Amino acid sequence: MNIKKAATSTIAAGFVGAAVLGLGVSAGTANAAPVGPNTHTQQQAQPQRQQPQQQRAITITRPNYRPFTYRGAHVTPRYDVARGQWGFTFDRTFVHVVLARR
């Protein structure tokens, strides 16, 4: 029994001595990775510029340019100088109003 105790003590002392000297013979020591720049900080959000969307060409036919209800919303057609046509804006889309021929 004394031989087992002596052998165990010698081996344990060898591992402790090797660990102190940094020989890497022990059960394993963890080395921390080098600290780099802090990449986990929040970056300032840059405002995203939205690309101008293609306007859908929507045309409806009306007997006149008086106010009316379009898809549940009360709208009033107006003359748009830039487009050179009558219409109104609905859901961010210009709707072209054409007079019906009689």
C-alpha atoms as a PDB file:
ATOM      1  CA  MET A   1       0.000   0.000   0.000  1.00  0.00           C
ATOM      2  CA  ASN A   2       2.921   2.291   0.715  1.00  0.00           C
ATOM      3  CA  ILE A   3       4.224   1.826  -2.824  1.00  0.00           C
ATOM      4  CA  LYS A   4       0.843   2.963  -4.277  1.00  0.00           C
ATOM      5  CA  LYS A   5       0.768   5.985  -2.005  1.00  0.00           C
ATOM      6  CA  ALA A   6       4.328   6.946  -2.863  1.00  0.00           C
ATOM      7  CA  ALA A   7       3.749   6.570  -6.607  1.00  0.00           C
ATOM      8  CA  THR A   8       0.559   8.635  -6.499  1.00  0.00           C
ATOM      9  CA  SER A   9       2.224  11.391  -4.490  1.00  0.00           C
ATOM     10  CA  THR A  10       5.184  11.507  -6.871  1.00  0.00           C
ATOM     11  CA  ILE A  11       2.999  11.706  -9.963  1.00  0.00           C
ATOM     12  CA  ALA A  12       0.778  14.393  -8.409  1.00  0.00           C
ATOM     13  CA  ALA A  13       3.835  16.419  -7.390  1.00  0.00           C
ATOM     14  CA  GLY A  14       5.186  16.063 -10.928  1.00  0.00           C
ATOM     15  CA  PHE A  15       1.969  17.467 -12.449  1.00  0.00           C
ATOM     16  CA  VAL A  16       1.914  20.393 -10.000  1.00  0.00           C
ATOM     17  CA  GLY A  17       5.600  21.146 -10.661  1.00  0.00           C
ATOM     18  CA  ALA A  18       5.110  20.987 -14.425  1.00  0.00           C
ATOM     19  CA  ALA A  19       2.100  23.306 -14.211  1.00  0.00           C
ATOM     20  CA  VAL A  20       4.087  25.818 -12.179  1.00  0.00           C
ATOM     21  CA  LEU A  21       6.898  25.748 -14.718  1.00  0.00           C
ATOM     22  CA  GLY A  22       4.437  26.054 -17.609  1.00  0.00           C
ATOM     23  CA  LEU A  23       5.469  22.844 -19.328  1.00  0.00           C
ATOM     24  CA  GLY A  24       1.902  21.997 -20.326  1.00  0.00           C
ATOM     25  CA  VAL A  25       2.023  18.494 -18.912  1.00  0.00           C
ATOM     26  CA  SER A  26      -0.890  19.087 -16.576  1.00  0.00           C
ATOM     27  CA  ALA A  27      -4.528  18.369 -17.256  1.00  0.00           C
ATOM     28  CA  GLY A  28      -4.620  21.433 -19.470  1.00  0.00           C
ATOM     29  CA  THR A  29      -4.626  25.152 -18.966  1.00  0.00           C
ATOM     30  CA  ALA A  30      -6.761  27.526 -20.921  1.00  0.00           C
ATOM     31  CA  ASN A  31      -5.103  30.454 -22.629  1.00  0.00           C
ATOM     32  CA  ALA A  32      -7.239  33.500 -23.286  1.00  0.00           C
ATOM     33  CA  ALA A  33      -7.327  34.786 -26.835  1.00  0.00           C
ATOM     34  CA  PRO A  34      -5.657  38.146 -27.352  1.00  0.00           C
ATOM     35  CA  VAL A  35      -8.011  41.047 -26.839  1.00  0.00           C
ATOM     36  CA  GLY A  36      -8.712  42.810 -30.109  1.00  0.00           C
ATOM     37  CA  PRO A  37     -10.742  45.922 -30.894  1.00  0.00           C
ATOM     38  CA  ASN A  38     -14.212  46.009 -29.405  1.00  0.00           C
ATOM     39  CA  THR A  39     -16.479  44.906 -32.228  1.00  0.00           C
ATOM     40  CA  HIS A  40     -19.587  44.527 -30.097  1.00  0.00           C
ATOM     41  CA  THR A  41     -20.398  48.205 -29.720  1.00  0.00           C
ATOM     42  CA  GLN A  42     -23.492  49.551 -31.391  1.00  0.00           C
ATOM     43  CA  GLN A  43     -22.780  51.436 -34.547  1.00  0.00           C
ATOM     44  CA  GLN A  44     -24.551  54.638 -35.393  1.00  0.00           C
ATOM     45  CA  ALA A  45     -27.396  53.776 -37.707  1.00  0.00           C
ATOM     46  CA  GLN A  46     -27.059  55.475 -41.060  1.00  0.00           C
ATOM     47  CA  PRO A  47     -30.387  56.594 -42.485  1.00  0.00           C
ATOM     48  CA  GLN A  48     -31.231  54.443 -45.456  1.00  0.00           C
ATOM     49  CA  ARG A  49     -32.258  56.339 -48.538  1.00  0.00           C
ATOM     50  CA  GLN A  50     -35.115  54.631 -50.237  1.00  0.00           C
ATOM     51  CA  GLN A  51     -34.965  54.246 -53.954  1.00  0.00           C
ATOM     52  CA  PRO A  52     -37.815  56.000 -55.728  1.00  0.00           C
ATOM     53  CA  GLN A  53     -40.349  53.357 -56.564  1.00  0.00           C
ATOM     54  CA  GLN A  54     -41.875  53.135 -59.969  1.00  0.00           C
ATOM     55  CA  GLN A  55     -45.314  54.664 -59.889  1.00  0.00           C
ATOM     56  CA  ARG A  56     -47.975  52.268 -61.025  1.00  0.00           C
ATOM     57  CA  ALA A  57     -50.131  53.659 -63.780  1.00  0.00           C
ATOM     58  CA  ILE A  58     -53.668  53.582 -62.409  1.00  0.00           C
ATOM     59  CA  THR A  59     -56.392  55.147 -64.491  1.00  0.00           C
ATOM     60  CA  ILE A  60     -60.075  55.375 -63.636  1.00  0.00           C
ATOM     61  CA  THR A  61     -62.925  56.763 -65.694  1.00  0.00           C
ATOM     62  CA  ARG A  62     -65.376  59.250 -64.182  1.00  0.00           C
ATOM     63  CA  PRO A  63     -68.209  61.304 -65.651  1.00  0.00           C
ATOM     64  CA  ASN A  64     -66.774  64.515 -64.100  1.00  0.00           C
ATOM     65  CA  TYR A  65     -64.038  65.845 -61.782  1.00  0.00           C
ATOM     66  CA  ARG A  66     -66.251  66.191 -58.703  1.00  0.00           C
ATOM     67  CA  PRO A  67     -65.308  64.566 -55.359  1.00  0.00           C
ATOM     68  CA  PHE A  68     -66.221  60.875 -55.041  1.00  0.00           C
ATOM     69  CA  THR A  69     -65.495  57.773 -52.964  1.00  0.00           C
ATOM     70  CA  TYR A  70     -62.592  55.606 -54.136  1.00  0.00           C
ATOM     71  CA  ARG A  71     -62.026  52.301 -52.267  1.00  0.00           C
ATOM     72  CA  GLY A  72     -63.748  53.642 -49.175  1.00  0.00           C
ATOM     73  CA  ALA A  73     -61.900  56.976 -49.101  1.00  0.00           C
ATOM     74  CA  HIS A  74     -63.380  60.346 -50.055  1.00  0.00           C
ATOM     75  CA  VAL A  75     -61.126  61.855 -52.739  1.00  0.00           C
ATOM     76  CA  THR A  76     -61.103  65.095 -54.717  1.00  0.00           C
ATOM     77  CA  PRO A  77     -59.400  65.076 -58.129  1.00  0.00           C
ATOM     78  CA  ARG A  78     -56.992  67.933 -58.819  1.00  0.00           C
ATOM     79  CA  TYR A  79     -55.005  69.024 -61.833  1.00  0.00           C
ATOM     80  CA  ASP A  80     -51.337  68.068 -61.498  1.00  0.00           C
ATOM     81  CA  VAL A  81     -49.210  70.550 -63.442  1.00  0.00           C
ATOM     82  CA  ALA A  82     -46.097  68.338 -63.396  1.00  0.00           C
ATOM     83  CA  ARG A  83     -47.965  65.406 -64.931  1.00  0.00           C
ATOM     84  CA  GLY A  84     -50.329  67.521 -67.015  1.00  0.00           C
ATOM     85  CA  GLN A  85     -53.369  65.486 -66.011  1.00  0.00           C
ATOM     86  CA  TRP A  86     -56.240  65.257 -63.572  1.00  0.00           C
ATOM     87  CA  GLY A  87     -56.058  62.819 -60.691  1.00  0.00           C
ATOM     88  CA  PHE A  88     -55.600  62.298 -56.982  1.00  0.00           C
ATOM     89  CA  THR A  89     -53.130  60.620 -54.615  1.00  0.00           C
ATOM     90  CA  PHE A  90     -54.279  57.404 -52.971  1.00  0.00           C
ATOM     91  CA  ASP A  91     -51.970  55.269 -50.838  1.00  0.00           C
ATOM     92  CA  ARG A  92     -48.918  57.211 -52.068  1.00  0.00           C
ATOM     93  CA  THR A  93     -49.880  56.513 -55.687  1.00  0.00           C
ATOM     94  CA  PHE A  94     -51.207  59.050 -58.162  1.00  0.00           C
ATOM     95  CA  VAL A  95     -54.459  57.842 -59.723  1.00  0.00           C
ATOM     96  CA  HIS A  96     -55.189  59.346 -63.134  1.00  0.00           C
ATOM     97  CA  VAL A  97     -58.825  60.374 -63.710  1.00  0.00           C
ATOM     98  CA  VAL A  98     -60.140  60.314 -67.271  1.00  0.00           C
ATOM     99  CA  LEU A  99     -63.503  61.734 -68.287  1.00  0.00           C
ATOM    100  CA  ALA A 100     -65.932  59.219 -69.774  1.00  0.00           C
ATOM    101  CA  ARG A 101     -67.099  59.946 -73.290  1.00  0.00           C
ATOM    102  CA  ARG A 102     -70.821  60.233 -73.745  1.00  0.00           C
END
